[in-house]
PDB file of N, CA and C in Angstrom:
ATOM      1  N   UNK A   1     -77.288  32.247 -17.019  1.00  0.00           N
ATOM      2  CA  UNK A   1     -77.168  33.234 -17.713  1.00  0.00           C
ATOM      3  C   UNK A   1     -75.402  33.287 -17.768  1.00  0.00           C
ATOM      4  N   UNK A   2     -74.823  33.381 -18.946  1.00  0.00           N
ATOM      5  CA  UNK A   2     -73.308  33.357 -18.693  1.00  0.00           C
ATOM      6  C   UNK A   2     -72.816  34.853 -18.539  1.00  0.00           C
ATOM      7  N   UNK A   3     -71.549  34.802 -17.854  1.00  0.00           N
ATOM      8  CA  UNK A   3     -70.989  36.191 -17.781  1.00  0.00           C
ATOM      9  C   UNK A   3     -69.795  36.180 -18.566  1.00  0.00           C
ATOM     10  N   UNK A   4     -69.078  37.387 -19.093  1.00  0.00           N
ATOM     11  CA  UNK A   4     -67.696  37.560 -19.567  1.00  0.00           C
ATOM     12  C   UNK A   4     -66.990  37.380 -18.370  1.00  0.00           C
ATOM     13  N   UNK A   5     -65.864  36.578 -18.714  1.00  0.00           N
ATOM     14  CA  UNK A   5     -64.607  36.463 -17.664  1.00  0.00           C
ATOM     15  C   UNK A   5     -63.585  37.254 -18.225  1.00  0.00           C
ATOM     16  N   UNK A   6     -62.843  38.332 -17.507  1.00  0.00           N
ATOM     17  CA  UNK A   6     -62.140  39.241 -17.859  1.00  0.00           C
ATOM     18  C   UNK A   6     -60.732  38.443 -17.515  1.00  0.00           C
ATOM     19  N   UNK A   7     -59.839  37.712 -18.510  1.00  0.00           N
ATOM     20  CA  UNK A   7     -58.898  36.945 -18.371  1.00  0.00           C
ATOM     21  C   UNK A   7     -57.511  37.888 -18.629  1.00  0.00           C
ATOM     22  N   UNK A   8     -56.763  38.206 -17.806  1.00  0.00           N
ATOM     23  CA  UNK A   8     -55.314  38.854 -17.860  1.00  0.00           C
ATOM     24  C   UNK A   8     -54.325  37.856 -18.207  1.00  0.00           C
ATOM     25  N   UNK A   9     -53.314  38.436 -18.537  1.00  0.00           N
ATOM     26  CA  UNK A   9     -51.845  37.466 -18.989  1.00  0.00           C
ATOM     27  C   UNK A   9     -50.659  38.013 -18.049  1.00  0.00           C
ATOM     28  N   UNK A  10     -50.429  37.120 -17.016  1.00  0.00           N
ATOM     29  CA  UNK A  10     -49.339  37.340 -15.949  1.00  0.00           C
ATOM     30  C   UNK A  10     -47.958  36.747 -16.476  1.00  0.00           C
ATOM     31  N   UNK A  11     -47.010  37.646 -16.665  1.00  0.00           N
ATOM     32  CA  UNK A  11     -45.595  36.747 -17.125  1.00  0.00           C
ATOM     33  C   UNK A  11     -44.814  36.854 -15.816  1.00  0.00           C
ATOM     34  N   UNK A  12     -44.079  35.950 -15.601  1.00  0.00           N
ATOM     35  CA  UNK A  12     -43.339  35.486 -14.453  1.00  0.00           C
ATOM     36  C   UNK A  12     -41.717  34.930 -14.742  1.00  0.00           C
ATOM     37  N   UNK A  13     -41.092  35.596 -14.142  1.00  0.00           N
ATOM     38  CA  UNK A  13     -39.702  35.418 -14.622  1.00  0.00           C
ATOM     39  C   UNK A  13     -39.208  34.220 -13.608  1.00  0.00           C
ATOM     40  N   UNK A  14     -38.844  33.013 -13.901  1.00  0.00           N
ATOM     41  CA  UNK A  14     -38.439  31.795 -13.017  1.00  0.00           C
ATOM     42  C   UNK A  14     -36.960  31.930 -12.627  1.00  0.00           C
ATOM     43  N   UNK A  15     -36.384  32.717 -13.196  1.00  0.00           N
ATOM     44  CA  UNK A  15     -34.829  32.490 -12.855  1.00  0.00           C
ATOM     45  C   UNK A  15     -34.916  32.856 -11.381  1.00  0.00           C
ATOM     46  N   UNK A  16     -33.907  31.975 -10.696  1.00  0.00           N
ATOM     47  CA  UNK A  16     -33.301  32.225  -9.464  1.00  0.00           C
ATOM     48  C   UNK A  16     -34.747  32.131  -8.229  1.00  0.00           C
ATOM     49  N   UNK A  17     -35.621  31.504  -8.632  1.00  0.00           N
ATOM     50  CA  UNK A  17     -36.816  31.136  -7.788  1.00  0.00           C
ATOM     51  C   UNK A  17     -37.119  29.607  -7.387  1.00  0.00           C
ATOM     52  N   UNK A  18     -37.250  29.356  -6.272  1.00  0.00           N
ATOM     53  CA  UNK A  18     -37.494  28.148  -5.538  1.00  0.00           C
ATOM     54  C   UNK A  18     -38.958  27.573  -6.270  1.00  0.00           C
ATOM     55  N   UNK A  19     -38.662  26.504  -6.787  1.00  0.00           N
ATOM     56  CA  UNK A  19     -39.916  25.499  -7.588  1.00  0.00           C
ATOM     57  C   UNK A  19     -41.193  25.556  -6.774  1.00  0.00           C
ATOM     58  N   UNK A  20     -40.994  25.328  -5.597  1.00  0.00           N
ATOM     59  CA  UNK A  20     -42.458  25.159  -4.866  1.00  0.00           C
ATOM     60  C   UNK A  20     -43.191  26.312  -4.612  1.00  0.00           C
ATOM     61  N   UNK A  21     -42.379  27.282  -4.268  1.00  0.00           N
ATOM     62  CA  UNK A  21     -42.888  28.747  -3.938  1.00  0.00           C
ATOM     63  C   UNK A  21     -43.468  29.135  -5.258  1.00  0.00           C
ATOM     64  N   UNK A  22     -42.842  29.169  -6.336  1.00  0.00           N
ATOM     65  CA  UNK A  22     -43.127  29.727  -7.630  1.00  0.00           C
ATOM     66  C   UNK A  22     -44.554  28.825  -8.130  1.00  0.00           C
ATOM     67  N   UNK A  23     -44.614  27.754  -8.046  1.00  0.00           N
ATOM     68  CA  UNK A  23     -45.515  26.768  -8.309  1.00  0.00           C
ATOM     69  C   UNK A  23     -46.928  26.939  -7.582  1.00  0.00           C
ATOM     70  N   UNK A  24     -46.757  27.412  -6.183  1.00  0.00           N
ATOM     71  CA  UNK A  24     -47.904  27.871  -5.344  1.00  0.00           C
ATOM     72  C   UNK A  24     -48.372  29.422  -5.914  1.00  0.00           C
ATOM     73  N   UNK A  25     -47.514  30.193  -6.357  1.00  0.00           N
ATOM     74  CA  UNK A  25     -48.158  31.462  -6.958  1.00  0.00           C
ATOM     75  C   UNK A  25     -48.615  31.511  -8.304  1.00  0.00           C
ATOM     76  N   UNK A  26     -48.310  30.397  -8.954  1.00  0.00           N
ATOM     77  CA  UNK A  26     -48.807  30.335 -10.108  1.00  0.00           C
ATOM     78  C   UNK A  26     -50.096  29.743 -10.132  1.00  0.00           C
ATOM     79  N   UNK A  27     -50.505  28.634  -9.109  1.00  0.00           N
ATOM     80  CA  UNK A  27     -51.547  27.769  -9.130  1.00  0.00           C
ATOM     81  C   UNK A  27     -52.639  29.062  -8.616  1.00  0.00           C
ATOM     82  N   UNK A  28     -52.394  29.683  -7.818  1.00  0.00           N
ATOM     83  CA  UNK A  28     -53.264  30.703  -7.260  1.00  0.00           C
ATOM     84  C   UNK A  28     -53.886  31.619  -8.476  1.00  0.00           C
ATOM     85  N   UNK A  29     -52.510  32.111  -9.329  1.00  0.00           N
ATOM     86  CA  UNK A  29     -53.153  33.026 -10.532  1.00  0.00           C
ATOM     87  C   UNK A  29     -54.208  32.152 -11.471  1.00  0.00           C
ATOM     88  N   UNK A  30     -53.803  31.010 -11.635  1.00  0.00           N
ATOM     89  CA  UNK A  30     -54.340  30.042 -12.701  1.00  0.00           C
ATOM     90  C   UNK A  30     -56.052  29.923 -12.144  1.00  0.00           C
ATOM     91  N   UNK A  31     -56.118  29.735 -11.049  1.00  0.00           N
ATOM     92  CA  UNK A  31     -57.584  29.050 -10.235  1.00  0.00           C
ATOM     93  C   UNK A  31     -58.270  30.556 -10.043  1.00  0.00           C
ATOM     94  N   UNK A  32     -57.553  31.658 -10.129  1.00  0.00           N
ATOM     95  CA  UNK A  32     -58.414  32.874  -9.932  1.00  0.00           C
ATOM     96  C   UNK A  32     -58.627  33.146  -8.626  1.00  0.00           C
ATOM     97  N   UNK A  33     -57.700  32.645  -7.340  1.00  0.00           N
ATOM     98  CA  UNK A  33     -58.265  33.103  -6.060  1.00  0.00           C
ATOM     99  C   UNK A  33     -57.638  34.260  -5.748  1.00  0.00           C
ATOM    100  N   UNK A  34     -56.767  35.015  -6.825  1.00  0.00           N
ATOM    101  CA  UNK A  34     -56.532  36.381  -6.398  1.00  0.00           C
ATOM    102  C   UNK A  34     -57.759  37.401  -6.765  1.00  0.00           C
ATOM    103  N   UNK A  35     -58.715  36.824  -7.316  1.00  0.00           N
ATOM    104  CA  UNK A  35     -59.915  37.718  -7.669  1.00  0.00           C
ATOM    105  C   UNK A  35     -61.049  37.916  -6.855  1.00  0.00           C
ATOM    106  N   UNK A  36     -61.632  38.833  -6.355  1.00  0.00           N
ATOM    107  CA  UNK A  36     -62.702  38.888  -5.475  1.00  0.00           C
ATOM    108  C   UNK A  36     -63.870  38.084  -6.071  1.00  0.00           C
ATOM    109  N   UNK A  37     -63.922  37.797  -7.252  1.00  0.00           N
ATOM    110  CA  UNK A  37     -65.068  36.892  -7.944  1.00  0.00           C
ATOM    111  C   UNK A  37     -64.787  35.410  -7.896  1.00  0.00           C
ATOM    112  N   UNK A  38     -63.750  34.930  -6.862  1.00  0.00           N
ATOM    113  CA  UNK A  38     -63.575  33.741  -6.955  1.00  0.00           C
ATOM    114  C   UNK A  38     -64.616  32.852  -6.335  1.00  0.00           C
ATOM    115  N   UNK A  39     -64.843  31.571  -7.183  1.00  0.00           N
ATOM    116  CA  UNK A  39     -65.695  30.758  -6.742  1.00  0.00           C
ATOM    117  C   UNK A  39     -65.336  29.274  -6.960  1.00  0.00           C
ATOM    118  N   UNK A  40     -65.382  28.300  -6.085  1.00  0.00           N
ATOM    119  CA  UNK A  40     -64.984  27.004  -6.474  1.00  0.00           C
ATOM    120  C   UNK A  40     -65.396  26.050  -7.544  1.00  0.00           C
ATOM    121  N   UNK A  41     -66.422  26.397  -7.927  1.00  0.00           N
ATOM    122  CA  UNK A  41     -67.015  25.749  -9.138  1.00  0.00           C
ATOM    123  C   UNK A  41     -67.122  26.338 -10.411  1.00  0.00           C
ATOM    124  N   UNK A  42     -66.339  27.561 -10.335  1.00  0.00           N
ATOM    125  CA  UNK A  42     -66.129  28.369 -11.694  1.00  0.00           C
ATOM    126  C   UNK A  42     -64.808  28.529 -11.895  1.00  0.00           C
ATOM    127  N   UNK A  43     -64.434  28.695 -13.225  1.00  0.00           N
ATOM    128  CA  UNK A  43     -63.092  28.698 -13.607  1.00  0.00           C
ATOM    129  C   UNK A  43     -62.692  30.334 -14.113  1.00  0.00           C
ATOM    130  N   UNK A  44     -62.521  30.900 -12.950  1.00  0.00           N
ATOM    131  CA  UNK A  44     -62.232  32.451 -13.276  1.00  0.00           C
ATOM    132  C   UNK A  44     -60.815  32.827 -13.296  1.00  0.00           C
ATOM    133  N   UNK A  45     -59.752  31.989 -13.581  1.00  0.00           N
ATOM    134  CA  UNK A  45     -58.423  32.150 -13.425  1.00  0.00           C
ATOM    135  C   UNK A  45     -57.961  33.035 -14.768  1.00  0.00           C
ATOM    136  N   UNK A  46     -56.694  33.392 -14.651  1.00  0.00           N
ATOM    137  CA  UNK A  46     -56.093  34.076 -15.761  1.00  0.00           C
ATOM    138  C   UNK A  46     -54.954  33.403 -16.289  1.00  0.00           C
ATOM    139  N   UNK A  47     -54.459  33.657 -17.582  1.00  0.00           N
ATOM    140  CA  UNK A  47     -53.069  32.810 -18.098  1.00  0.00           C
ATOM    141  C   UNK A  47     -51.712  33.386 -17.467  1.00  0.00           C
ATOM    142  N   UNK A  48     -51.035  32.459 -17.518  1.00  0.00           N
ATOM    143  CA  UNK A  48     -49.381  32.638 -16.868  1.00  0.00           C
ATOM    144  C   UNK A  48     -48.739  32.141 -17.845  1.00  0.00           C
ATOM    145  N   UNK A  49     -47.562  32.883 -18.055  1.00  0.00           N
ATOM    146  CA  UNK A  49     -46.431  32.757 -18.918  1.00  0.00           C
ATOM    147  C   UNK A  49     -45.361  32.628 -18.104  1.00  0.00           C
ATOM    148  N   UNK A  50     -44.600  31.335 -17.850  1.00  0.00           N
ATOM    149  CA  UNK A  50     -43.471  31.255 -17.259  1.00  0.00           C
ATOM    150  C   UNK A  50     -42.148  31.464 -18.507  1.00  0.00           C
ATOM    151  N   UNK A  51     -41.078  32.150 -17.682  1.00  0.00           N
ATOM    152  CA  UNK A  51     -39.966  32.592 -18.627  1.00  0.00           C
ATOM    153  C   UNK A  51     -38.827  32.127 -17.832  1.00  0.00           C
ATOM    154  N   UNK A  52     -37.732  31.645 -18.414  1.00  0.00           N
ATOM    155  CA  UNK A  52     -36.544  31.169 -17.873  1.00  0.00           C
ATOM    156  C   UNK A  52     -36.926  29.815 -16.712  1.00  0.00           C
ATOM    157  N   UNK A  53     -37.372  28.867 -17.470  1.00  0.00           N
ATOM    158  CA  UNK A  53     -37.720  27.708 -16.606  1.00  0.00           C
ATOM    159  C   UNK A  53     -36.670  26.932 -16.347  1.00  0.00           C
ATOM    160  N   UNK A  54     -35.361  27.084 -17.249  1.00  0.00           N
ATOM    161  CA  UNK A  54     -34.296  26.174 -16.963  1.00  0.00           C
ATOM    162  C   UNK A  54     -33.553  26.748 -15.865  1.00  0.00           C
ATOM    163  N   UNK A  55     -33.728  27.733 -15.217  1.00  0.00           N
ATOM    164  CA  UNK A  55     -33.022  28.490 -14.362  1.00  0.00           C
ATOM    165  C   UNK A  55     -33.646  28.540 -13.198  1.00  0.00           C
ATOM    166  N   UNK A  56     -34.576  27.732 -12.696  1.00  0.00           N
ATOM    167  CA  UNK A  56     -35.169  27.453 -11.578  1.00  0.00           C
ATOM    168  C   UNK A  56     -34.432  26.789 -10.526  1.00  0.00           C
ATOM    169  N   UNK A  57     -34.477  27.047  -9.247  1.00  0.00           N
ATOM    170  CA  UNK A  57     -33.877  26.349  -8.363  1.00  0.00           C
ATOM    171  C   UNK A  57     -34.408  25.457  -7.249  1.00  0.00           C
ATOM    172  N   UNK A  58     -33.812  24.599  -6.469  1.00  0.00           N
ATOM    173  CA  UNK A  58     -34.361  23.681  -5.580  1.00  0.00           C
ATOM    174  C   UNK A  58     -33.587  24.064  -4.446  1.00  0.00           C
ATOM    175  N   UNK A  59     -34.306  23.959  -3.069  1.00  0.00           N
ATOM    176  CA  UNK A  59     -33.637  24.197  -2.000  1.00  0.00           C
ATOM    177  C   UNK A  59     -32.799  22.698  -1.486  1.00  0.00           C
ATOM    178  N   UNK A  60     -31.602  22.694  -1.002  1.00  0.00           N
ATOM    179  CA  UNK A  60     -30.949  21.772  -0.208  1.00  0.00           C
ATOM    180  C   UNK A  60     -30.347  20.853  -1.322  1.00  0.00           C
ATOM    181  N   UNK A  61     -30.488  19.574  -1.126  1.00  0.00           N
ATOM    182  CA  UNK A  61     -29.853  18.641  -2.262  1.00  0.00           C
ATOM    183  C   UNK A  61     -30.989  18.331  -3.095  1.00  0.00           C
ATOM    184  N   UNK A  62     -32.054  18.618  -3.253  1.00  0.00           N
ATOM    185  CA  UNK A  62     -32.975  18.064  -3.958  1.00  0.00           C
ATOM    186  C   UNK A  62     -32.564  18.146  -5.315  1.00  0.00           C
ATOM    187  N   UNK A  63     -31.979  19.022  -6.101  1.00  0.00           N
ATOM    188  CA  UNK A  63     -31.682  18.977  -7.288  1.00  0.00           C
ATOM    189  C   UNK A  63     -30.943  17.719  -7.817  1.00  0.00           C
ATOM    190  N   UNK A  64     -30.121  17.165  -7.120  1.00  0.00           N
ATOM    191  CA  UNK A  64     -29.703  15.841  -7.300  1.00  0.00           C
ATOM    192  C   UNK A  64     -30.351  14.485  -6.910  1.00  0.00           C
ATOM    193  N   UNK A  65     -31.281  14.766  -5.880  1.00  0.00           N
ATOM    194  CA  UNK A  65     -31.930  13.693  -5.095  1.00  0.00           C
ATOM    195  C   UNK A  65     -33.285  13.379  -5.483  1.00  0.00           C
ATOM    196  N   UNK A  66     -34.063  14.623  -6.082  1.00  0.00           N
ATOM    197  CA  UNK A  66     -35.556  14.354  -6.459  1.00  0.00           C
ATOM    198  C   UNK A  66     -35.712  13.427  -7.445  1.00  0.00           C
ATOM    199  N   UNK A  67     -37.021  12.723  -7.258  1.00  0.00           N
ATOM    200  CA  UNK A  67     -37.168  11.727  -7.931  1.00  0.00           C
ATOM    201  C   UNK A  67     -38.680  11.993  -8.381  1.00  0.00           C
ATOM    202  N   UNK A  68     -39.159  11.780  -9.839  1.00  0.00           N
ATOM    203  CA  UNK A  68     -40.605  11.985 -10.276  1.00  0.00           C
ATOM    204  C   UNK A  68     -40.515  10.558 -10.540  1.00  0.00           C
ATOM    205  N   UNK A  69     -42.084   9.812  -9.987  1.00  0.00           N
ATOM    206  CA  UNK A  69     -42.426   8.604 -10.144  1.00  0.00           C
ATOM    207  C   UNK A  69     -43.787   8.735 -10.654  1.00  0.00           C
ATOM    208  N   UNK A  70     -44.177   7.772 -11.461  1.00  0.00           N
ATOM    209  CA  UNK A  70     -45.538   7.330 -12.079  1.00  0.00           C
ATOM    210  C   UNK A  70     -45.745   6.040 -12.487  1.00  0.00           C
ATOM    211  N   UNK A  71     -46.693   5.526 -12.335  1.00  0.00           N
ATOM    212  CA  UNK A  71     -47.112   4.113 -12.338  1.00  0.00           C
ATOM    213  C   UNK A  71     -48.042   3.766 -13.520  1.00  0.00           C
ATOM    214  N   UNK A  72     -47.832   3.039 -14.407  1.00  0.00           N
ATOM    215  CA  UNK A  72     -48.696   2.734 -15.556  1.00  0.00           C
ATOM    216  C   UNK A  72     -50.166   1.851 -15.083  1.00  0.00           C
ATOM    217  N   UNK A  73     -49.993   1.258 -14.113  1.00  0.00           N
ATOM    218  CA  UNK A  73     -50.991   0.191 -13.631  1.00  0.00           C
ATOM    219  C   UNK A  73     -50.721  -1.182 -13.742  1.00  0.00           C
ATOM    220  N   UNK A  74     -49.703  -1.363 -14.786  1.00  0.00           N
ATOM    221  CA  UNK A  74     -49.525  -2.787 -15.154  1.00  0.00           C
ATOM    222  C   UNK A  74     -48.053  -3.067 -14.306  1.00  0.00           C
ATOM    223  N   UNK A  75     -48.180  -4.511 -14.273  1.00  0.00           N
ATOM    224  CA  UNK A  75     -47.003  -5.118 -13.358  1.00  0.00           C
ATOM    225  C   UNK A  75     -45.527  -4.632 -14.194  1.00  0.00           C
ATOM    226  N   UNK A  76     -44.739  -4.028 -13.000  1.00  0.00           N
ATOM    227  CA  UNK A  76     -43.436  -3.579 -13.515  1.00  0.00           C
ATOM    228  C   UNK A  76     -43.587  -2.317 -14.352  1.00  0.00           C
ATOM    229  N   UNK A  77     -44.658  -1.618 -14.163  1.00  0.00           N
ATOM    230  CA  UNK A  77     -45.069  -0.276 -14.777  1.00  0.00           C
ATOM    231  C   UNK A  77     -44.390   1.020 -14.227  1.00  0.00           C
ATOM    232  N   UNK A  78     -43.553   0.870 -13.124  1.00  0.00           N
ATOM    233  CA  UNK A  78     -43.067   1.972 -12.376  1.00  0.00           C
ATOM    234  C   UNK A  78     -41.952   2.744 -13.321  1.00  0.00           C
ATOM    235  N   UNK A  79     -42.390   4.017 -13.514  1.00  0.00           N
ATOM    236  CA  UNK A  79     -41.430   4.780 -14.286  1.00  0.00           C
ATOM    237  C   UNK A  79     -40.697   6.023 -13.398  1.00  0.00           C
ATOM    238  N   UNK A  80     -39.472   6.039 -13.244  1.00  0.00           N
ATOM    239  CA  UNK A  80     -38.796   7.131 -12.539  1.00  0.00           C
ATOM    240  C   UNK A  80     -37.913   7.910 -13.461  1.00  0.00           C
ATOM    241  N   UNK A  81     -37.759   8.979 -12.890  1.00  0.00           N
ATOM    242  CA  UNK A  81     -36.745   9.998 -13.696  1.00  0.00           C
ATOM    243  C   UNK A  81     -36.131  10.951 -12.673  1.00  0.00           C
ATOM    244  N   UNK A  82     -35.117  11.021 -12.589  1.00  0.00           N
ATOM    245  CA  UNK A  82     -34.559  12.324 -11.799  1.00  0.00           C
ATOM    246  C   UNK A  82     -34.860  13.647 -12.111  1.00  0.00           C
ATOM    247  N   UNK A  83     -34.895  14.499 -11.100  1.00  0.00           N
ATOM    248  CA  UNK A  83     -34.897  16.040 -11.564  1.00  0.00           C
ATOM    249  C   UNK A  83     -34.193  16.378 -12.414  1.00  0.00           C
ATOM    250  N   UNK A  84     -32.979  16.305 -12.416  1.00  0.00           N
ATOM    251  CA  UNK A  84     -31.860  16.766 -13.220  1.00  0.00           C
ATOM    252  C   UNK A  84     -31.903  16.430 -14.655  1.00  0.00           C
ATOM    253  N   UNK A  85     -32.374  14.816 -14.912  1.00  0.00           N
ATOM    254  CA  UNK A  85     -32.535  14.450 -16.152  1.00  0.00           C
ATOM    255  C   UNK A  85     -33.734  15.021 -16.602  1.00  0.00           C
ATOM    256  N   UNK A  86     -34.921  15.351 -16.018  1.00  0.00           N
ATOM    257  CA  UNK A  86     -35.902  15.821 -16.534  1.00  0.00           C
ATOM    258  C   UNK A  86     -35.725  17.232 -17.025  1.00  0.00           C
ATOM    259  N   UNK A  87     -34.980  17.963 -16.249  1.00  0.00           N
ATOM    260  CA  UNK A  87     -34.735  19.468 -16.486  1.00  0.00           C
ATOM    261  C   UNK A  87     -33.689  19.486 -17.598  1.00  0.00           C
ATOM    262  N   UNK A  88     -32.937  18.525 -17.916  1.00  0.00           N
ATOM    263  CA  UNK A  88     -32.052  18.397 -19.085  1.00  0.00           C
ATOM    264  C   UNK A  88     -32.864  18.017 -20.464  1.00  0.00           C
ATOM    265  N   UNK A  89     -33.803  17.477 -20.019  1.00  0.00           N
ATOM    266  CA  UNK A  89     -34.785  17.050 -21.474  1.00  0.00           C
ATOM    267  C   UNK A  89     -35.596  17.991 -21.746  1.00  0.00           C
ATOM    268  N   UNK A  90     -36.674  18.475 -20.580  1.00  0.00           N
ATOM    269  CA  UNK A  90     -37.752  19.475 -20.803  1.00  0.00           C
ATOM    270  C   UNK A  90     -37.633  20.360 -19.741  1.00  0.00           C
ATOM    271  N   UNK A  91     -36.966  21.567 -19.857  1.00  0.00           N
ATOM    272  CA  UNK A  91     -36.932  22.735 -18.467  1.00  0.00           C
ATOM    273  C   UNK A  91     -38.274  23.158 -17.949  1.00  0.00           C
ATOM    274  N   UNK A  92     -39.144  23.004 -18.750  1.00  0.00           N
ATOM    275  CA  UNK A  92     -40.501  23.585 -18.184  1.00  0.00           C
ATOM    276  C   UNK A  92     -41.368  22.632 -17.469  1.00  0.00           C
ATOM    277  N   UNK A  93     -41.089  21.216 -17.663  1.00  0.00           N
ATOM    278  CA  UNK A  93     -42.043  20.091 -17.355  1.00  0.00           C
ATOM    279  C   UNK A  93     -41.956  19.819 -15.815  1.00  0.00           C
ATOM    280  N   UNK A  94     -40.997  20.387 -15.191  1.00  0.00           N
ATOM    281  CA  UNK A  94     -40.853  20.372 -13.496  1.00  0.00           C
ATOM    282  C   UNK A  94     -42.004  21.403 -12.818  1.00  0.00           C
ATOM    283  N   UNK A  95     -41.717  22.592 -13.353  1.00  0.00           N
ATOM    284  CA  UNK A  95     -42.801  23.609 -13.074  1.00  0.00           C
ATOM    285  C   UNK A  95     -44.327  22.972 -13.506  1.00  0.00           C
ATOM    286  N   UNK A  96     -44.462  22.540 -14.701  1.00  0.00           N
ATOM    287  CA  UNK A  96     -45.889  22.047 -15.231  1.00  0.00           C
ATOM    288  C   UNK A  96     -46.412  21.115 -14.097  1.00  0.00           C
ATOM    289  N   UNK A  97     -45.664  20.345 -13.763  1.00  0.00           N
ATOM    290  CA  UNK A  97     -45.760  19.037 -12.867  1.00  0.00           C
ATOM    291  C   UNK A  97     -46.144  19.606 -11.602  1.00  0.00           C
ATOM    292  N   UNK A  98     -45.329  20.441 -11.010  1.00  0.00           N
ATOM    293  CA  UNK A  98     -45.710  20.871  -9.657  1.00  0.00           C
ATOM    294  C   UNK A  98     -46.961  21.615  -9.617  1.00  0.00           C
ATOM    295  N   UNK A  99     -47.219  22.498 -10.335  1.00  0.00           N
ATOM    296  CA  UNK A  99     -48.649  23.361 -10.611  1.00  0.00           C
ATOM    297  C   UNK A  99     -49.663  22.162 -10.920  1.00  0.00           C
ATOM    298  N   UNK A 100     -49.555  21.425 -11.779  1.00  0.00           N
ATOM    299  CA  UNK A 100     -50.620  20.519 -11.795  1.00  0.00           C
ATOM    300  C   UNK A 100     -50.839  19.621 -10.901  1.00  0.00           C
ATOM    301  N   UNK A 101     -50.028  19.433  -9.683  1.00  0.00           N
ATOM    302  CA  UNK A 101     -50.201  18.453  -8.451  1.00  0.00           C
ATOM    303  C   UNK A 101     -50.794  19.560  -7.609  1.00  0.00           C
ATOM    304  N   UNK A 102     -50.751  20.649  -7.670  1.00  0.00           N
ATOM    305  CA  UNK A 102     -51.501  21.585  -6.654  1.00  0.00           C
ATOM    306  C   UNK A 102     -52.930  22.015  -7.007  1.00  0.00           C
ATOM    307  N   UNK A 103     -53.213  21.646  -8.239  1.00  0.00           N
ATOM    308  CA  UNK A 103     -54.649  22.014  -8.445  1.00  0.00           C
ATOM    309  C   UNK A 103     -55.662  21.136  -8.142  1.00  0.00           C
ATOM    310  N   UNK A 104     -56.766  21.424  -7.881  1.00  0.00           N
ATOM    311  CA  UNK A 104     -57.826  20.282  -7.250  1.00  0.00           C
ATOM    312  C   UNK A 104     -57.903  19.232  -8.230  1.00  0.00           C
ATOM    313  N   UNK A 105     -58.291  18.165  -7.727  1.00  0.00           N
ATOM    314  CA  UNK A 105     -58.246  16.974  -8.412  1.00  0.00           C
ATOM    315  C   UNK A 105     -59.760  16.716  -9.110  1.00  0.00           C
ATOM    316  N   UNK A 106     -60.459  17.667 -10.103  1.00  0.00           N
ATOM    317  CA  UNK A 106     -61.729  17.454 -10.349  1.00  0.00           C
ATOM    318  C   UNK A 106     -61.669  17.788 -11.901  1.00  0.00           C
ATOM    319  N   UNK A 107     -62.701  18.073 -12.451  1.00  0.00           N
ATOM    320  CA  UNK A 107     -63.039  18.637 -14.029  1.00  0.00           C
ATOM    321  C   UNK A 107     -62.411  19.530 -14.054  1.00  0.00           C
ATOM    322  N   UNK A 108     -62.123  20.572 -13.432  1.00  0.00           N
ATOM    323  CA  UNK A 108     -61.726  21.977 -13.954  1.00  0.00           C
ATOM    324  C   UNK A 108     -60.019  21.719 -13.917  1.00  0.00           C
ATOM    325  N   UNK A 109     -59.712  20.602 -13.441  1.00  0.00           N
ATOM    326  CA  UNK A 109     -58.265  20.498 -13.436  1.00  0.00           C
ATOM    327  C   UNK A 109     -57.291  20.737 -14.691  1.00  0.00           C
ATOM    328  N   UNK A 110     -57.748  19.868 -15.989  1.00  0.00           N
ATOM    329  CA  UNK A 110     -57.162  20.041 -17.107  1.00  0.00           C
ATOM    330  C   UNK A 110     -57.374  21.385 -18.120  1.00  0.00           C
ATOM    331  N   UNK A 111     -58.514  21.840 -17.909  1.00  0.00           N
ATOM    332  CA  UNK A 111     -59.004  23.116 -18.236  1.00  0.00           C
ATOM    333  C   UNK A 111     -58.214  24.292 -17.784  1.00  0.00           C
ATOM    334  N   UNK A 112     -57.827  24.158 -16.311  1.00  0.00           N
ATOM    335  CA  UNK A 112     -57.086  25.280 -15.746  1.00  0.00           C
ATOM    336  C   UNK A 112     -55.462  25.263 -16.248  1.00  0.00           C
ATOM    337  N   UNK A 113     -55.060  23.852 -16.324  1.00  0.00           N
ATOM    338  CA  UNK A 113     -53.431  23.790 -16.476  1.00  0.00           C
ATOM    339  C   UNK A 113     -53.149  24.009 -18.114  1.00  0.00           C
ATOM    340  N   UNK A 114     -54.434  24.295 -18.976  1.00  0.00           N
ATOM    341  CA  UNK A 114     -53.980  24.469 -20.548  1.00  0.00           C
ATOM    342  C   UNK A 114     -53.675  26.084 -20.390  1.00  0.00           C
ATOM    343  N   UNK A 115     -53.954  26.879 -19.499  1.00  0.00           N
ATOM    344  CA  UNK A 115     -53.492  28.149 -19.246  1.00  0.00           C
ATOM    345  C   UNK A 115     -52.139  28.466 -18.974  1.00  0.00           C
ATOM    346  N   UNK A 116     -51.422  27.727 -18.657  1.00  0.00           N
ATOM    347  CA  UNK A 116     -50.186  27.894 -18.316  1.00  0.00           C
ATOM    348  C   UNK A 116     -49.260  27.445 -19.534  1.00  0.00           C
ATOM    349  N   UNK A 117     -48.336  28.436 -19.923  1.00  0.00           N
ATOM    350  CA  UNK A 117     -47.156  28.375 -21.035  1.00  0.00           C
ATOM    351  C   UNK A 117     -45.963  28.368 -20.252  1.00  0.00           C
ATOM    352  N   UNK A 118     -45.138  27.611 -20.454  1.00  0.00           N
ATOM    353  CA  UNK A 118     -43.713  27.501 -19.904  1.00  0.00           C
ATOM    354  C   UNK A 118     -42.735  27.734 -21.132  1.00  0.00           C
ATOM    355  N   UNK A 119     -41.879  28.597 -21.049  1.00  0.00           N
ATOM    356  CA  UNK A 119     -40.855  28.721 -21.880  1.00  0.00           C
ATOM    357  C   UNK A 119     -39.633  28.475 -21.295  1.00  0.00           C
ATOM    358  N   UNK A 120     -38.541  28.215 -22.112  1.00  0.00           N
ATOM    359  CA  UNK A 120     -37.295  27.749 -21.498  1.00  0.00           C
ATOM    360  C   UNK A 120     -36.570  29.056 -21.279  1.00  0.00           C
TER     361      UNK A 120
END
């Protein structure tokens, strides 16, 4: 028996907020952990719209030193990009990647991240 899920839209202003703390708050809302009906095997989360993604901050010297890496699986397939270069190209990608890595690595991960919208 399927029940109707009541999904709300949360708007969050990212200006002058720390990346990790903001990503934690977003991940909790996306998963639905703030609701009394939370269950690990169900997708009960809400929608999140993040504004001013280009104005987010990092603590310390991470803005210049932070490096994002991923590997294709092939020899020589390591791809690296600095945080400052990533934000210059795609301001919202750093937030999306931080939230995605905080979500559980299971079949619900991709359906949950689709409810996140990040704007400049």
